[in-house]
Amino acid sequence: EGVYGLPYEAVNVIANHKVTGRELLSLNMEALKMMGVERPATMSLLLDEIHELGENSTDDSPLIECNPYVFGKLLDFLRMTRLRKEGLVEAPSFPSVKASQQKRFDQLLEYYFP
C-alpha cells in the first residue's frame, strides 16, 4: 500500500500524469479510468481522498502548486542562508528567477513569508 492505504499503482498513475493540485480536485471516475486506474475500489478510495482534500481546503487559503524549479530556488537560498550563519559561505544573493517563473516565485514567497 502507498499513500493513505492506496495501492502504489494508483498513486503512481497520479504522479506519472503530473496532475496539479487544481486538476486533482477536479478528477472524477471517468478521468481516473482514462488515466489507467482500473479497479473500482481503488477509484472509490482515490475519489474519497480527493473529496476530503477538497473539503479540508478553505476558500481563504490558496492552493499552492509548488513548481520544482521555483521551490528549488527558495530552498537553495534558505540553505545558503543557513551555511552563512555557520560562517561557511559569504552572504547569499537573492535568487535570480527566470522571467517565465517570476510570478510563481512571488506567489510562493507571499504564501510562506507574508
N, C-alpha and C. Protein backbone atom coordinates (compact mmCIF):
# COMPACT_ATOMS: atom_id res chain seq x y z
N GLU A 1 0.84 -1.19 0.00
CA GLU A 1 0.00 0.00 0.00
C GLU A 1 0.87 1.24 0.00
N GLY A 2 0.35 2.28 -0.61
CA GLY A 2 1.08 3.53 -0.71
C GLY A 2 0.49 4.58 0.20
N VAL A 3 0.23 5.73 -0.33
CA VAL A 3 -0.27 6.88 0.42
C VAL A 3 -1.69 6.62 0.90
N TYR A 4 -1.96 6.82 2.19
CA TYR A 4 -3.28 6.68 2.79
C TYR A 4 -3.94 5.35 2.47
N GLY A 5 -3.16 4.28 2.38
CA GLY A 5 -3.71 2.97 2.12
C GLY A 5 -4.06 2.71 0.67
N LEU A 6 -3.72 3.63 -0.21
CA LEU A 6 -3.98 3.44 -1.63
C LEU A 6 -2.87 2.61 -2.25
N PRO A 7 -3.20 1.78 -3.22
CA PRO A 7 -2.15 1.00 -3.89
C PRO A 7 -1.13 1.91 -4.56
N TYR A 8 0.13 1.50 -4.55
CA TYR A 8 1.18 2.28 -5.18
C TYR A 8 0.88 2.56 -6.64
N GLU A 9 0.26 1.60 -7.32
CA GLU A 9 -0.05 1.77 -8.74
C GLU A 9 -0.94 3.00 -8.95
N ALA A 10 -1.92 3.18 -8.08
CA ALA A 10 -2.84 4.31 -8.21
C ALA A 10 -2.12 5.63 -7.93
N VAL A 11 -1.29 5.63 -6.91
CA VAL A 11 -0.52 6.84 -6.58
C VAL A 11 0.42 7.18 -7.74
N ASN A 12 1.04 6.16 -8.32
CA ASN A 12 1.95 6.39 -9.45
C ASN A 12 1.22 6.92 -10.67
N VAL A 13 -0.01 6.48 -10.89
CA VAL A 13 -0.79 6.98 -12.03
C VAL A 13 -0.95 8.49 -11.90
N ILE A 14 -1.31 8.95 -10.71
CA ILE A 14 -1.49 10.40 -10.48
C ILE A 14 -0.15 11.12 -10.69
N ALA A 15 0.90 10.57 -10.11
CA ALA A 15 2.22 11.20 -10.22
C ALA A 15 2.72 11.20 -11.66
N ASN A 16 2.55 10.10 -12.37
CA ASN A 16 3.05 9.99 -13.74
C ASN A 16 2.33 10.93 -14.70
N HIS A 17 1.10 11.27 -14.39
CA HIS A 17 0.36 12.20 -15.24
C HIS A 17 0.63 13.66 -14.84
N LYS A 18 1.48 13.85 -13.83
CA LYS A 18 1.87 15.19 -13.38
C LYS A 18 0.63 16.07 -13.12
N VAL A 19 -0.30 15.49 -12.37
CA VAL A 19 -1.55 16.17 -12.04
C VAL A 19 -1.27 17.30 -11.05
N THR A 20 -1.74 18.50 -11.37
CA THR A 20 -1.57 19.64 -10.46
C THR A 20 -2.63 19.57 -9.36
N GLY A 21 -2.49 20.42 -8.37
CA GLY A 21 -3.45 20.44 -7.27
C GLY A 21 -4.86 20.73 -7.73
N ARG A 22 -5.01 21.73 -8.58
CA ARG A 22 -6.35 22.09 -9.08
C ARG A 22 -6.93 20.96 -9.92
N GLU A 23 -6.09 20.33 -10.74
CA GLU A 23 -6.55 19.20 -11.56
C GLU A 23 -6.97 18.03 -10.68
N LEU A 24 -6.20 17.78 -9.64
CA LEU A 24 -6.54 16.69 -8.72
C LEU A 24 -7.93 16.87 -8.15
N LEU A 25 -8.25 18.08 -7.73
CA LEU A 25 -9.55 18.33 -7.13
C LEU A 25 -10.70 18.19 -8.12
N SER A 26 -10.41 18.22 -9.40
CA SER A 26 -11.47 18.11 -10.40
C SER A 26 -11.61 16.71 -10.98
N LEU A 27 -10.76 15.77 -10.55
CA LEU A 27 -10.84 14.41 -11.09
C LEU A 27 -12.15 13.74 -10.73
N ASN A 28 -12.64 12.91 -11.66
CA ASN A 28 -13.83 12.10 -11.42
C ASN A 28 -13.55 10.67 -11.87
N MET A 29 -14.56 9.81 -11.77
CA MET A 29 -14.39 8.39 -12.09
C MET A 29 -13.95 8.21 -13.55
N GLU A 30 -14.55 8.95 -14.46
CA GLU A 30 -14.20 8.83 -15.88
C GLU A 30 -12.75 9.23 -16.12
N ALA A 31 -12.32 10.31 -15.51
CA ALA A 31 -10.93 10.77 -15.67
C ALA A 31 -9.95 9.72 -15.14
N LEU A 32 -10.27 9.14 -14.00
CA LEU A 32 -9.39 8.11 -13.43
C LEU A 32 -9.30 6.91 -14.37
N LYS A 33 -10.41 6.53 -14.98
CA LYS A 33 -10.39 5.42 -15.95
C LYS A 33 -9.49 5.77 -17.12
N MET A 34 -9.62 7.00 -17.63
CA MET A 34 -8.81 7.43 -18.77
C MET A 34 -7.32 7.44 -18.43
N MET A 35 -7.02 7.69 -17.16
CA MET A 35 -5.62 7.74 -16.72
C MET A 35 -5.06 6.34 -16.49
N GLY A 36 -5.94 5.32 -16.44
CA GLY A 36 -5.47 3.95 -16.30
C GLY A 36 -5.77 3.29 -14.98
N VAL A 37 -6.52 3.94 -14.11
CA VAL A 37 -6.93 3.29 -12.86
C VAL A 37 -8.08 2.36 -13.22
N GLU A 38 -7.91 1.07 -12.97
CA GLU A 38 -8.88 0.08 -13.44
C GLU A 38 -9.82 -0.43 -12.36
N ARG A 39 -9.32 -0.59 -11.16
CA ARG A 39 -10.14 -1.21 -10.11
C ARG A 39 -11.14 -0.22 -9.53
N PRO A 40 -12.44 -0.57 -9.52
CA PRO A 40 -13.46 0.32 -8.97
C PRO A 40 -13.22 0.69 -7.51
N ALA A 41 -12.73 -0.26 -6.72
CA ALA A 41 -12.48 0.02 -5.30
C ALA A 41 -11.37 1.05 -5.14
N THR A 42 -10.36 0.94 -5.97
CA THR A 42 -9.26 1.91 -5.93
C THR A 42 -9.74 3.28 -6.35
N MET A 43 -10.56 3.33 -7.40
CA MET A 43 -11.12 4.61 -7.84
C MET A 43 -11.93 5.25 -6.71
N SER A 44 -12.71 4.43 -6.04
CA SER A 44 -13.54 4.93 -4.95
C SER A 44 -12.68 5.51 -3.83
N LEU A 45 -11.62 4.79 -3.46
CA LEU A 45 -10.71 5.28 -2.42
C LEU A 45 -10.05 6.59 -2.84
N LEU A 46 -9.59 6.65 -4.08
CA LEU A 46 -8.97 7.87 -4.58
C LEU A 46 -9.94 9.05 -4.52
N LEU A 47 -11.16 8.81 -5.00
CA LEU A 47 -12.15 9.89 -5.02
C LEU A 47 -12.51 10.33 -3.61
N ASP A 48 -12.57 9.39 -2.66
CA ASP A 48 -12.84 9.75 -1.27
C ASP A 48 -11.74 10.66 -0.72
N GLU A 49 -10.48 10.31 -0.99
CA GLU A 49 -9.36 11.11 -0.50
C GLU A 49 -9.35 12.49 -1.17
N ILE A 50 -9.64 12.52 -2.47
CA ILE A 50 -9.68 13.79 -3.20
C ILE A 50 -10.80 14.66 -2.64
N HIS A 51 -11.95 14.05 -2.38
CA HIS A 51 -13.08 14.81 -1.82
C HIS A 51 -12.72 15.37 -0.45
N GLU A 52 -12.08 14.56 0.38
CA GLU A 52 -11.67 15.02 1.72
C GLU A 52 -10.67 16.16 1.62
N LEU A 53 -9.76 16.06 0.69
CA LEU A 53 -8.79 17.13 0.47
C LEU A 53 -9.51 18.42 0.10
N GLY A 54 -10.49 18.32 -0.78
CA GLY A 54 -11.27 19.49 -1.17
C GLY A 54 -12.06 20.07 -0.02
N GLU A 55 -12.60 19.22 0.82
CA GLU A 55 -13.37 19.67 1.98
C GLU A 55 -12.48 20.37 3.00
N ASN A 56 -11.26 19.89 3.15
CA ASN A 56 -10.35 20.45 4.16
C ASN A 56 -9.70 21.75 3.71
N SER A 57 -9.74 22.03 2.43
CA SER A 57 -9.18 23.30 1.97
C SER A 57 -10.28 24.34 2.03
N THR A 58 -9.94 25.51 2.52
CA THR A 58 -10.92 26.57 2.65
C THR A 58 -10.74 27.57 1.54
N ASP A 59 -11.77 28.33 1.27
CA ASP A 59 -11.70 29.33 0.20
C ASP A 59 -10.71 30.44 0.50
N ASP A 60 -10.39 30.66 1.77
CA ASP A 60 -9.49 31.75 2.10
C ASP A 60 -8.02 31.35 2.10
N SER A 61 -7.74 30.08 1.86
CA SER A 61 -6.35 29.66 1.77
C SER A 61 -6.07 29.15 0.37
N PRO A 62 -5.10 29.74 -0.31
CA PRO A 62 -4.84 29.35 -1.70
C PRO A 62 -4.18 27.98 -1.78
N LEU A 63 -4.44 27.29 -2.84
CA LEU A 63 -3.76 26.04 -3.11
C LEU A 63 -2.46 26.39 -3.82
N ILE A 64 -1.35 26.11 -3.16
CA ILE A 64 -0.05 26.43 -3.73
C ILE A 64 0.46 25.23 -4.50
N GLU A 65 0.66 25.40 -5.77
CA GLU A 65 1.24 24.36 -6.60
C GLU A 65 2.74 24.62 -6.63
N CYS A 66 3.50 23.79 -5.98
CA CYS A 66 4.95 24.02 -5.89
C CYS A 66 5.65 23.53 -7.14
N ASN A 67 6.01 24.47 -7.97
CA ASN A 67 6.81 24.19 -9.14
C ASN A 67 8.20 23.82 -8.64
N PRO A 68 8.75 22.68 -9.07
CA PRO A 68 10.06 22.26 -8.56
C PRO A 68 11.16 23.29 -8.78
N TYR A 69 11.15 23.97 -9.91
CA TYR A 69 12.16 24.99 -10.18
C TYR A 69 12.08 26.12 -9.17
N VAL A 70 10.86 26.63 -8.96
CA VAL A 70 10.63 27.76 -8.06
C VAL A 70 10.94 27.37 -6.62
N PHE A 71 10.44 26.21 -6.20
CA PHE A 71 10.69 25.76 -4.84
C PHE A 71 12.18 25.51 -4.61
N GLY A 72 12.85 24.99 -5.63
CA GLY A 72 14.29 24.76 -5.54
C GLY A 72 15.07 26.04 -5.33
N LYS A 73 14.67 27.10 -6.02
CA LYS A 73 15.34 28.40 -5.85
C LYS A 73 15.21 28.88 -4.41
N LEU A 74 14.01 28.77 -3.84
CA LEU A 74 13.79 29.19 -2.46
C LEU A 74 14.59 28.32 -1.50
N LEU A 75 14.54 27.02 -1.71
CA LEU A 75 15.25 26.09 -0.83
C LEU A 75 16.76 26.32 -0.88
N ASP A 76 17.30 26.53 -2.07
CA ASP A 76 18.74 26.81 -2.19
C ASP A 76 19.12 28.07 -1.42
N PHE A 77 18.30 29.12 -1.52
CA PHE A 77 18.57 30.36 -0.80
C PHE A 77 18.55 30.13 0.71
N LEU A 78 17.56 29.38 1.19
CA LEU A 78 17.48 29.11 2.63
C LEU A 78 18.67 28.27 3.10
N ARG A 79 19.09 27.31 2.29
CA ARG A 79 20.28 26.50 2.64
C ARG A 79 21.52 27.38 2.73
N MET A 80 21.71 28.25 1.76
CA MET A 80 22.87 29.13 1.76
C MET A 80 22.83 30.09 2.94
N THR A 81 21.64 30.56 3.30
CA THR A 81 21.50 31.44 4.45
C THR A 81 21.92 30.71 5.73
N ARG A 82 21.56 29.45 5.83
CA ARG A 82 21.95 28.64 7.00
C ARG A 82 23.47 28.46 7.03
N LEU A 83 24.06 28.16 5.87
CA LEU A 83 25.51 27.99 5.81
C LEU A 83 26.22 29.29 6.17
N ARG A 84 25.63 30.42 5.81
CA ARG A 84 26.20 31.74 6.16
C ARG A 84 26.22 31.91 7.67
N LYS A 85 25.15 31.49 8.34
CA LYS A 85 25.09 31.60 9.80
C LYS A 85 26.18 30.75 10.46
N GLU A 86 26.57 29.68 9.78
CA GLU A 86 27.64 28.82 10.30
C GLU A 86 29.02 29.35 9.92
N GLY A 87 29.06 30.43 9.15
CA GLY A 87 30.32 31.02 8.74
C GLY A 87 31.01 30.26 7.62
N LEU A 88 30.27 29.44 6.89
CA LEU A 88 30.87 28.62 5.85
C LEU A 88 30.86 29.25 4.46
N VAL A 89 29.98 30.22 4.26
CA VAL A 89 29.89 30.89 2.95
C VAL A 89 29.63 32.37 3.17
N GLU A 90 29.85 33.14 2.11
CA GLU A 90 29.51 34.56 2.13
C GLU A 90 27.98 34.70 2.10
N ALA A 91 27.51 35.89 2.39
CA ALA A 91 26.07 36.13 2.36
C ALA A 91 25.53 35.84 0.96
N PRO A 92 24.48 35.02 0.87
CA PRO A 92 23.94 34.69 -0.45
C PRO A 92 23.17 35.86 -1.05
N SER A 93 23.20 35.94 -2.37
CA SER A 93 22.38 36.95 -3.04
C SER A 93 20.97 36.39 -3.20
N PHE A 94 20.04 37.31 -3.33
CA PHE A 94 18.65 36.89 -3.51
C PHE A 94 18.54 36.11 -4.81
N PRO A 95 17.72 35.05 -4.84
CA PRO A 95 17.65 34.19 -6.02
C PRO A 95 17.25 34.93 -7.30
N SER A 96 17.92 34.58 -8.37
CA SER A 96 17.57 35.07 -9.69
C SER A 96 16.67 34.01 -10.32
N VAL A 97 15.50 34.44 -10.77
CA VAL A 97 14.49 33.51 -11.28
C VAL A 97 14.19 33.85 -12.73
N LYS A 98 13.98 32.81 -13.55
CA LYS A 98 13.60 33.02 -14.94
C LYS A 98 12.36 33.90 -14.99
N ALA A 99 12.30 34.77 -15.98
CA ALA A 99 11.15 35.67 -16.12
C ALA A 99 9.84 34.90 -16.20
N SER A 100 9.87 33.75 -16.86
CA SER A 100 8.65 32.95 -17.01
C SER A 100 8.16 32.35 -15.69
N GLN A 101 9.04 32.33 -14.68
CA GLN A 101 8.69 31.73 -13.39
C GLN A 101 8.56 32.77 -12.28
N GLN A 102 8.77 34.04 -12.61
CA GLN A 102 8.78 35.09 -11.59
C GLN A 102 7.46 35.18 -10.82
N LYS A 103 6.33 35.10 -11.51
CA LYS A 103 5.04 35.21 -10.85
C LYS A 103 4.85 34.07 -9.85
N ARG A 104 5.21 32.86 -10.24
CA ARG A 104 5.11 31.71 -9.32
C ARG A 104 6.02 31.90 -8.12
N PHE A 105 7.22 32.41 -8.36
CA PHE A 105 8.16 32.62 -7.26
C PHE A 105 7.62 33.66 -6.28
N ASP A 106 7.07 34.75 -6.83
CA ASP A 106 6.49 35.78 -5.98
C ASP A 106 5.32 35.23 -5.15
N GLN A 107 4.48 34.39 -5.76
CA GLN A 107 3.36 33.79 -5.04
C GLN A 107 3.85 32.88 -3.93
N LEU A 108 4.90 32.12 -4.20
CA LEU A 108 5.47 31.24 -3.19
C LEU A 108 6.01 32.05 -2.00
N LEU A 109 6.72 33.12 -2.30
CA LEU A 109 7.26 33.97 -1.23
C LEU A 109 6.12 34.60 -0.43
N GLU A 110 5.11 35.09 -1.11
CA GLU A 110 3.98 35.72 -0.42
C GLU A 110 3.25 34.72 0.48
N TYR A 111 3.15 33.50 0.02
CA TYR A 111 2.45 32.47 0.80
C TYR A 111 3.23 32.11 2.07
N TYR A 112 4.54 31.84 1.92
CA TYR A 112 5.33 31.39 3.05
C TYR A 112 5.90 32.52 3.90
N PHE A 113 6.05 33.70 3.32
CA PHE A 113 6.62 34.84 4.04
C PHE A 113 5.76 36.07 3.82
N PRO A 114 4.52 36.07 4.36
CA PRO A 114 3.60 37.19 4.10
C PRO A 114 4.07 38.51 4.67
